[in-house]
Amino acid sequence: MYFRILDLSNSEIWGNYLIRLPNKQQDIYYTPGYYQLYEDLGDGKALCFLFEKDENLALYPFLINPINNLNFELNNTYFDIQGAYGYNGVLSSSNDPAFISDFYNSFNSFCIQENIIAEFTRFHPILQNELFSLNDMSTIRDRETVMIDLKKPYADIWDDDYSSKNRNMIRKAIRLGYICQIETSPGKDHIDQFISTYHYSMRQAGAEPYYYFNKDFFNNMFKYLKDKIYLFNILNQTGEIICSSIFLHYNDYFHYHLSGRNENADNAVNNFLLDSAVKFAQEMGAKLFHLGGGRSNAEDDSLLKFKRNFSRIAIPFYIGKRVLNEKVYNEVVRQWENKFPEKVEQYRNMLLKYRF
């Protein structure tokens, strides 16, 4: 039995361990490059917990943050952990109960030693890695997400999976003369254009301030995720970029990641964009295209309803919560509630509420 903690100075070792896992257990959200993005953004220090026993391996990247700098009165230095924005949780070559038990015994010892009081996870819907942590974390079904099976011929996806409304919207976009431009290494002008379009869409959606990622973040995306990231621009008849999206591709999986459109875009533009992405993902050899879910967990969420027009395959997204030091955690929450009584109701269901 063996465990090891890596940081981004060990990126090569981290990456080599990741590719030792079964192909279906690998994805871009667990790469050191992806975690470099969020460490640089200031979301915490990126660490990766590696555990080996016999021939089995488990890998768990996360961001660790101190709690003391939030101005709570505590008798020691304490931390919490959570995954980077996107999907996280433990990747493993085995779901054998004995292996899971040994993993958590080692990981819990690490957490106690490092004064980690709480852990929050957004499990990966395709990988279903909530199953690994089912007995060790409180796992909660958060919302439905949508996936397209790219192993089917495109003609079958068009006929069987797309709704008739979706097909009509794509035809409309073609009549309007929209074209799709795909870039693997976009220049400064196109990255700046994407940022402007994305921020406009975030304002229209009333997004939380966190999601207004800065210019360095987007530049770093194309630097750290090189060869695994694509910028799709939809141009109208005059050559104006009216809609842009960032897609991620790693082995079998293709992801709809960040998107925006401007005020001049017809409603058909998003249908055309995703249809273009389906064709491209198939050409790249991806087997599954994950569109994600809605902006909320409501069944009638408008974004979720839009995505359902592309596929009938629904897969659940789970989150995980765990308090590792109940005494200290409760004290932090108590102090936070006394300082910010107006926030208690708004953030009552959030594990790391004291960060708001």
Protein backbone atom coordinates (compact mmCIF):
# COMPACT_ATOMS: atom_id res chain seq x y z
CA MET A 1 0.00 0.00 0.00
CA TYR A 2 1.36 3.41 -0.99
CA PHE A 3 0.16 6.99 -1.20
CA ARG A 4 1.77 10.19 -2.42
CA ILE A 5 0.82 13.89 -2.61
CA LEU A 6 1.74 15.74 -5.77
CA ASP A 7 1.58 19.44 -6.58
CA LEU A 8 2.02 21.17 -9.94
CA SER A 9 5.80 20.98 -9.69
CA ASN A 10 5.21 17.23 -10.26
CA SER A 11 2.96 17.74 -13.30
CA GLU A 12 4.73 15.14 -15.42
CA ILE A 13 4.39 12.45 -12.74
CA TRP A 14 0.74 13.46 -12.19
CA GLY A 15 0.04 13.14 -15.91
CA ASN A 16 1.81 9.77 -16.12
CA TYR A 17 -0.33 8.38 -13.31
CA LEU A 18 -3.50 9.65 -15.01
CA ILE A 19 -2.76 7.76 -18.22
CA ARG A 20 -2.19 4.56 -16.24
CA LEU A 21 -5.89 4.51 -15.39
CA PRO A 22 -8.37 2.74 -17.69
CA ASN A 23 -9.13 4.89 -20.73
CA LYS A 24 -12.78 5.34 -19.70
CA GLN A 25 -11.62 6.74 -16.33
CA GLN A 26 -9.54 9.55 -17.85
CA ASP A 27 -10.74 13.04 -18.70
CA ILE A 28 -9.42 16.56 -19.08
CA TYR A 29 -10.85 17.76 -15.75
CA TYR A 30 -8.21 15.71 -13.92
CA THR A 31 -5.12 16.85 -15.82
CA PRO A 32 -2.42 19.00 -14.20
CA GLY A 33 -2.96 21.57 -16.97
CA TYR A 34 -6.61 21.96 -16.00
CA TYR A 35 -5.70 22.40 -12.33
CA GLN A 36 -2.95 24.88 -13.24
CA LEU A 37 -5.70 27.12 -14.66
CA TYR A 38 -7.52 27.32 -11.36
CA GLU A 39 -4.45 27.61 -9.16
CA ASP A 40 -3.41 30.59 -11.30
CA LEU A 41 -6.94 32.00 -10.99
CA GLY A 42 -6.50 32.01 -7.20
CA ASP A 43 -8.91 29.19 -6.38
CA GLY A 44 -6.41 27.39 -4.16
CA LYS A 45 -3.28 25.27 -4.29
CA ALA A 46 -3.65 22.29 -6.62
CA LEU A 47 -2.78 18.92 -5.11
CA CYS A 48 -3.23 15.35 -6.31
CA PHE A 49 -3.61 12.44 -3.87
CA LEU A 50 -2.29 9.19 -5.38
CA PHE A 51 -3.04 5.82 -3.84
CA GLU A 52 -1.76 2.42 -4.98
CA LYS A 53 -2.38 -1.05 -3.67
CA ASP A 54 -1.23 -4.15 -5.53
CA GLU A 55 -2.17 -3.46 -9.17
CA ASN A 56 -4.87 -0.89 -8.41
CA LEU A 57 -4.57 2.89 -8.55
CA ALA A 58 -6.71 5.83 -7.41
CA LEU A 59 -6.08 9.48 -8.26
CA TYR A 60 -7.80 12.47 -6.65
CA PRO A 61 -6.93 16.07 -7.66
CA PHE A 62 -8.32 18.96 -5.61
CA LEU A 63 -7.70 22.55 -4.51
CA ILE A 64 -6.78 23.22 -0.90
CA ASN A 65 -7.45 26.57 0.78
CA PRO A 66 -6.73 28.00 4.23
CA ILE A 67 -9.71 29.06 6.35
CA ASN A 68 -7.85 31.32 8.76
CA ASN A 69 -7.43 34.09 6.19
CA LEU A 70 -11.23 34.53 6.26
CA ASN A 71 -10.82 36.30 9.62
CA PHE A 72 -12.26 33.66 11.91
CA GLU A 73 -10.87 33.28 15.43
CA LEU A 74 -9.41 29.75 15.48
CA ASN A 75 -6.89 28.00 17.70
CA ASN A 76 -4.92 26.49 14.78
CA THR A 77 -4.46 26.70 11.01
CA TYR A 78 -7.25 24.88 9.15
CA PHE A 79 -8.10 24.14 5.52
CA ASP A 80 -10.90 22.91 3.26
CA ILE A 81 -10.74 21.23 -0.13
CA GLN A 82 -12.85 21.13 -3.28
CA GLY A 83 -12.41 20.24 -6.93
CA ALA A 84 -11.73 22.78 -9.67
CA TYR A 85 -14.72 24.24 -11.55
CA GLY A 86 -16.12 21.45 -13.71
CA TYR A 87 -16.13 17.82 -12.62
CA ASN A 88 -13.98 16.12 -10.01
CA GLY A 89 -13.95 13.31 -7.47
CA VAL A 90 -11.79 10.18 -7.24
CA LEU A 91 -10.68 8.31 -10.35
CA SER A 92 -9.93 4.65 -9.77
CA SER A 93 -9.02 1.46 -11.57
CA SER A 94 -11.11 -0.49 -9.04
CA ASN A 95 -14.42 -0.17 -7.19
CA ASP A 96 -13.63 -3.11 -4.95
CA PRO A 97 -14.96 -2.29 -1.44
CA ALA A 98 -11.70 -3.32 0.24
CA PHE A 99 -9.68 -1.03 -2.06
CA ILE A 100 -12.09 1.87 -1.46
CA SER A 101 -11.82 1.31 2.30
CA ASP A 102 -8.01 1.33 2.16
CA PHE A 103 -8.05 4.48 0.01
CA TYR A 104 -10.26 6.37 2.44
CA ASN A 105 -8.28 5.19 5.47
CA SER A 106 -5.17 6.70 3.90
CA PHE A 107 -6.92 9.83 2.65
CA ASN A 108 -8.61 10.45 6.01
CA SER A 109 -5.24 10.20 7.75
CA PHE A 110 -3.86 12.79 5.35
CA CYS A 111 -6.83 15.11 6.02
CA ILE A 112 -6.42 14.81 9.80
CA GLN A 113 -2.68 15.47 9.54
CA GLU A 114 -3.24 18.54 7.35
CA ASN A 115 -6.12 19.98 9.46
CA ILE A 116 -8.65 19.72 6.62
CA ILE A 117 -12.12 20.26 8.05
CA ALA A 118 -14.45 19.92 5.03
CA GLU A 119 -14.51 18.51 1.49
CA PHE A 120 -16.77 19.39 -1.45
CA THR A 121 -16.91 17.47 -4.76
CA ARG A 122 -18.72 17.76 -8.09
CA PHE A 123 -18.74 14.21 -9.39
CA HIS A 124 -18.30 13.42 -13.09
CA PRO A 125 -21.65 12.38 -14.65
CA ILE A 126 -20.14 10.19 -17.39
CA LEU A 127 -17.60 8.47 -15.14
CA GLN A 128 -20.18 7.95 -12.36
CA ASN A 129 -17.40 8.23 -9.81
CA GLU A 130 -19.88 9.11 -7.09
CA LEU A 131 -20.13 5.32 -6.70
CA PHE A 132 -16.56 5.22 -5.37
CA SER A 133 -17.44 7.67 -2.58
CA LEU A 134 -21.00 6.56 -1.88
CA ASN A 135 -20.26 5.23 1.63
CA ASP A 136 -17.75 7.91 2.61
CA MET A 137 -19.39 11.16 1.48
CA SER A 138 -22.91 12.51 1.52
CA THR A 139 -23.76 12.20 -2.19
CA ILE A 140 -26.66 14.30 -3.47
CA ARG A 141 -28.28 14.17 -6.91
CA ASP A 142 -28.08 17.78 -8.03
CA ARG A 143 -29.53 17.87 -11.56
CA GLU A 144 -29.91 16.09 -14.88
CA THR A 145 -27.37 16.47 -17.67
CA VAL A 146 -27.55 15.57 -21.35
CA MET A 147 -25.21 13.36 -23.39
CA ILE A 148 -25.01 12.46 -27.09
CA ASP A 149 -23.81 9.02 -28.17
CA LEU A 150 -21.31 9.80 -30.93
CA LYS A 151 -20.75 6.12 -31.75
CA LYS A 152 -23.95 6.24 -33.79
CA PRO A 153 -23.76 7.42 -37.41
CA TYR A 154 -24.47 11.13 -37.73
CA ALA A 155 -27.56 10.40 -39.88
CA ASP A 156 -29.04 8.36 -37.02
CA ILE A 157 -28.30 11.11 -34.49
CA TRP A 158 -30.06 13.58 -36.81
CA ASP A 159 -33.08 11.32 -37.38
CA ASP A 160 -33.47 9.68 -33.97
CA ASP A 161 -31.98 12.00 -31.36
CA TYR A 162 -32.55 15.54 -32.59
CA SER A 163 -36.04 16.91 -32.04
CA SER A 164 -37.93 18.13 -35.11
CA LYS A 165 -37.70 21.68 -33.70
CA ASN A 166 -33.94 21.32 -33.46
CA ARG A 167 -33.62 20.11 -37.06
CA ASN A 168 -35.74 23.05 -38.24
CA MET A 169 -33.59 25.53 -36.34
CA ILE A 170 -30.41 24.09 -37.86
CA ARG A 171 -31.95 24.34 -41.34
CA LYS A 172 -32.91 27.95 -40.56
CA ALA A 173 -29.33 28.79 -39.56
CA ILE A 174 -28.04 27.31 -42.81
CA ARG A 175 -30.58 29.42 -44.78
CA LEU A 176 -29.38 32.51 -42.89
CA GLY A 177 -25.88 31.82 -44.19
CA TYR A 178 -24.20 31.05 -40.87
CA ILE A 179 -20.81 29.36 -41.07
CA CYS A 180 -18.69 27.69 -38.38
CA GLN A 181 -15.05 28.55 -37.86
CA ILE A 182 -13.00 26.22 -35.62
CA GLU A 183 -9.70 27.32 -34.06
CA THR A 184 -7.18 25.33 -32.05
CA SER A 185 -4.79 28.25 -31.41
CA PRO A 186 -6.87 31.42 -31.63
CA GLY A 187 -5.09 34.76 -31.77
CA LYS A 188 -5.47 37.57 -29.25
CA ASP A 189 -8.28 39.25 -31.23
CA HIS A 190 -10.48 36.15 -31.27
CA ILE A 191 -9.84 35.37 -27.60
CA ASP A 192 -10.74 38.98 -26.71
CA GLN A 193 -13.85 38.69 -28.89
CA PHE A 194 -14.85 35.49 -27.08
CA ILE A 195 -14.37 37.13 -23.67
CA SER A 196 -16.59 40.04 -24.68
CA THR A 197 -19.31 37.74 -26.04
CA TYR A 198 -19.09 35.39 -23.04
CA HIS A 199 -19.30 38.24 -20.51
CA TYR A 200 -22.30 39.69 -22.35
CA SER A 201 -24.09 36.33 -22.03
CA MET A 202 -23.16 36.11 -18.34
CA ARG A 203 -24.72 39.52 -17.74
CA GLN A 204 -27.87 38.47 -19.60
CA ALA A 205 -28.09 35.32 -17.45
CA GLY A 206 -27.45 37.20 -14.18
CA ALA A 207 -24.44 34.97 -13.42
CA GLU A 208 -22.53 35.08 -10.15
CA PRO A 209 -19.37 37.26 -10.22
CA TYR A 210 -17.10 34.19 -10.07
CA TYR A 211 -18.07 33.15 -13.62
CA TYR A 212 -16.73 36.37 -15.16
CA PHE A 213 -13.34 34.78 -15.70
CA ASN A 214 -10.59 37.27 -16.51
CA LYS A 215 -8.46 37.68 -19.65
CA ASP A 216 -5.45 35.81 -18.22
CA PHE A 217 -7.67 32.82 -17.48
CA PHE A 218 -8.84 32.51 -21.08
CA ASN A 219 -5.35 33.03 -22.49
CA ASN A 220 -4.07 30.33 -20.13
CA MET A 221 -6.79 27.92 -21.24
CA PHE A 222 -5.32 27.79 -24.74
CA LYS A 223 -1.81 27.62 -23.30
CA TYR A 224 -2.30 24.86 -20.71
CA LEU A 225 -4.89 22.76 -22.55
CA LYS A 226 -3.21 22.92 -25.94
CA ASP A 227 -4.42 20.27 -28.44
CA LYS A 228 -7.43 19.53 -26.19
CA ILE A 229 -9.35 22.78 -26.55
CA TYR A 230 -11.25 24.33 -29.45
CA LEU A 231 -12.82 27.72 -30.04
CA PHE A 232 -15.90 27.57 -32.27
CA ASN A 233 -17.03 30.85 -33.82
CA ILE A 234 -20.29 31.20 -35.70
CA LEU A 235 -20.17 33.93 -38.33
CA ASN A 236 -23.14 35.58 -40.01
CA GLN A 237 -23.37 36.63 -43.67
CA THR A 238 -21.26 39.76 -43.07
CA GLY A 239 -18.50 37.82 -41.31
CA GLU A 240 -19.41 39.07 -37.81
CA ILE A 241 -18.82 36.61 -34.97
CA ILE A 242 -22.22 36.33 -33.31
CA CYS A 243 -21.73 33.23 -31.17
CA SER A 244 -18.66 31.50 -29.70
CA SER A 245 -18.04 28.43 -27.59
CA ILE A 246 -15.12 26.64 -26.02
CA PHE A 247 -15.16 22.85 -26.29
CA LEU A 248 -12.82 20.40 -24.57
CA HIS A 249 -11.75 17.01 -25.92
CA TYR A 250 -9.86 14.25 -24.12
CA ASN A 251 -9.77 10.67 -25.43
CA ASP A 252 -13.39 9.43 -25.66
CA TYR A 253 -15.05 12.55 -24.24
CA PHE A 254 -16.05 15.86 -25.83
CA HIS A 255 -17.42 18.65 -23.59
CA TYR A 256 -19.51 21.78 -24.14
CA HIS A 257 -17.62 24.03 -21.72
CA LEU A 258 -18.19 27.81 -21.98
CA SER A 259 -20.36 29.71 -24.44
CA GLY A 260 -21.73 33.12 -25.34
CA ARG A 261 -23.63 34.91 -28.08
CA ASN A 262 -24.20 38.58 -28.86
CA GLU A 263 -27.36 40.62 -29.21
CA ASN A 264 -27.41 40.22 -33.01
CA ALA A 265 -27.66 36.42 -32.96
CA ASP A 266 -30.78 34.63 -34.13
CA ASN A 267 -32.11 31.91 -31.81
CA ALA A 268 -31.04 29.29 -34.36
CA VAL A 269 -27.36 30.05 -33.84
CA ASN A 270 -26.91 27.78 -30.79
CA ASN A 271 -28.55 24.85 -32.55
CA PHE A 272 -26.21 25.31 -35.50
CA LEU A 273 -23.20 25.62 -33.16
CA LEU A 274 -23.89 22.35 -31.35
CA ASP A 275 -24.71 20.50 -34.56
CA SER A 276 -21.33 21.66 -35.93
CA ALA A 277 -19.69 20.42 -32.74
CA VAL A 278 -21.34 16.99 -33.06
CA LYS A 279 -19.89 16.56 -36.55
CA PHE A 280 -16.45 17.78 -35.47
CA ALA A 281 -16.36 15.58 -32.35
CA GLN A 282 -17.15 12.53 -34.44
CA GLU A 283 -14.34 13.44 -36.85
CA MET A 284 -11.97 13.69 -33.86
CA GLY A 285 -12.92 10.19 -32.72
CA ALA A 286 -14.81 11.14 -29.55
CA LYS A 287 -17.39 8.60 -28.43
CA LEU A 288 -19.52 10.68 -26.06
CA PHE A 289 -20.46 14.37 -26.18
CA HIS A 290 -21.48 15.79 -22.81
CA LEU A 291 -23.62 18.94 -23.06
CA GLY A 292 -24.00 19.42 -19.31
CA GLY A 293 -27.20 20.47 -17.58
CA GLY A 294 -29.23 23.59 -16.93
CA ARG A 295 -28.46 26.73 -14.98
CA SER A 296 -30.54 25.33 -12.12
CA ASN A 297 -31.84 21.95 -10.99
CA ALA A 298 -35.41 22.79 -12.07
CA GLU A 299 -37.00 20.31 -14.48
CA ASP A 300 -38.23 23.17 -16.65
CA ASP A 301 -34.86 24.96 -16.74
CA SER A 302 -34.69 26.64 -20.17
CA LEU A 303 -31.07 25.67 -20.86
CA LEU A 304 -31.75 22.03 -19.99
CA LYS A 305 -34.82 22.03 -22.24
CA PHE A 306 -32.69 23.38 -25.09
CA LYS A 307 -30.07 20.65 -24.62
CA ARG A 308 -32.71 17.93 -24.55
CA ASN A 309 -33.44 18.81 -28.19
CA PHE A 310 -30.14 17.09 -29.07
CA SER A 311 -30.43 13.80 -27.22
CA ARG A 312 -32.72 11.60 -25.17
CA ILE A 313 -29.84 10.37 -23.02
CA ALA A 314 -30.07 11.88 -19.54
CA ILE A 315 -27.40 11.22 -16.92
CA PRO A 316 -27.47 12.55 -13.35
CA PHE A 317 -24.93 14.92 -11.85
CA TYR A 318 -24.10 14.38 -8.17
CA ILE A 319 -22.30 16.53 -5.65
CA GLY A 320 -20.51 15.26 -2.56
CA LYS A 321 -20.16 16.83 0.89
CA ARG A 322 -18.12 15.76 3.89
CA VAL A 323 -17.27 17.34 7.22
CA LEU A 324 -13.99 15.92 8.52
CA ASN A 325 -13.68 17.94 11.73
CA GLU A 326 -17.18 18.64 12.99
CA LYS A 327 -16.14 20.66 16.03
CA VAL A 328 -14.04 23.18 14.08
CA TYR A 329 -16.43 23.25 11.12
CA ASN A 330 -19.39 24.08 13.39
CA GLU A 331 -17.38 26.82 15.07
CA VAL A 332 -16.45 28.38 11.71
CA VAL A 333 -20.10 28.29 10.59
CA ARG A 334 -21.23 29.79 13.92
CA GLN A 335 -18.82 32.71 13.57
CA TRP A 336 -19.81 33.22 9.93
CA GLU A 337 -23.52 33.27 10.82
CA ASN A 338 -22.87 35.87 13.52
CA LYS A 339 -20.92 38.05 11.07
CA PHE A 340 -23.29 37.67 8.12
CA PRO A 341 -26.82 36.89 9.37
CA GLU A 342 -28.25 38.25 6.10
CA LYS A 343 -26.49 35.43 4.16
CA VAL A 344 -27.59 32.48 6.29
CA GLU A 345 -30.76 31.65 4.38
CA GLN A 346 -29.26 32.21 0.92
CA TYR A 347 -26.32 29.82 1.49
CA ARG A 348 -27.85 27.41 4.02
CA ASN A 349 -27.42 24.33 1.76
CA MET A 350 -23.81 25.06 0.82
CA LEU A 351 -21.10 23.15 2.65
CA LEU A 352 -18.47 25.88 2.28
CA LYS A 353 -20.97 28.66 2.97
CA TYR A 354 -18.45 30.56 5.10
CA ARG A 355 -16.54 31.45 1.93
CA PHE A 356 -19.39 33.71 0.79
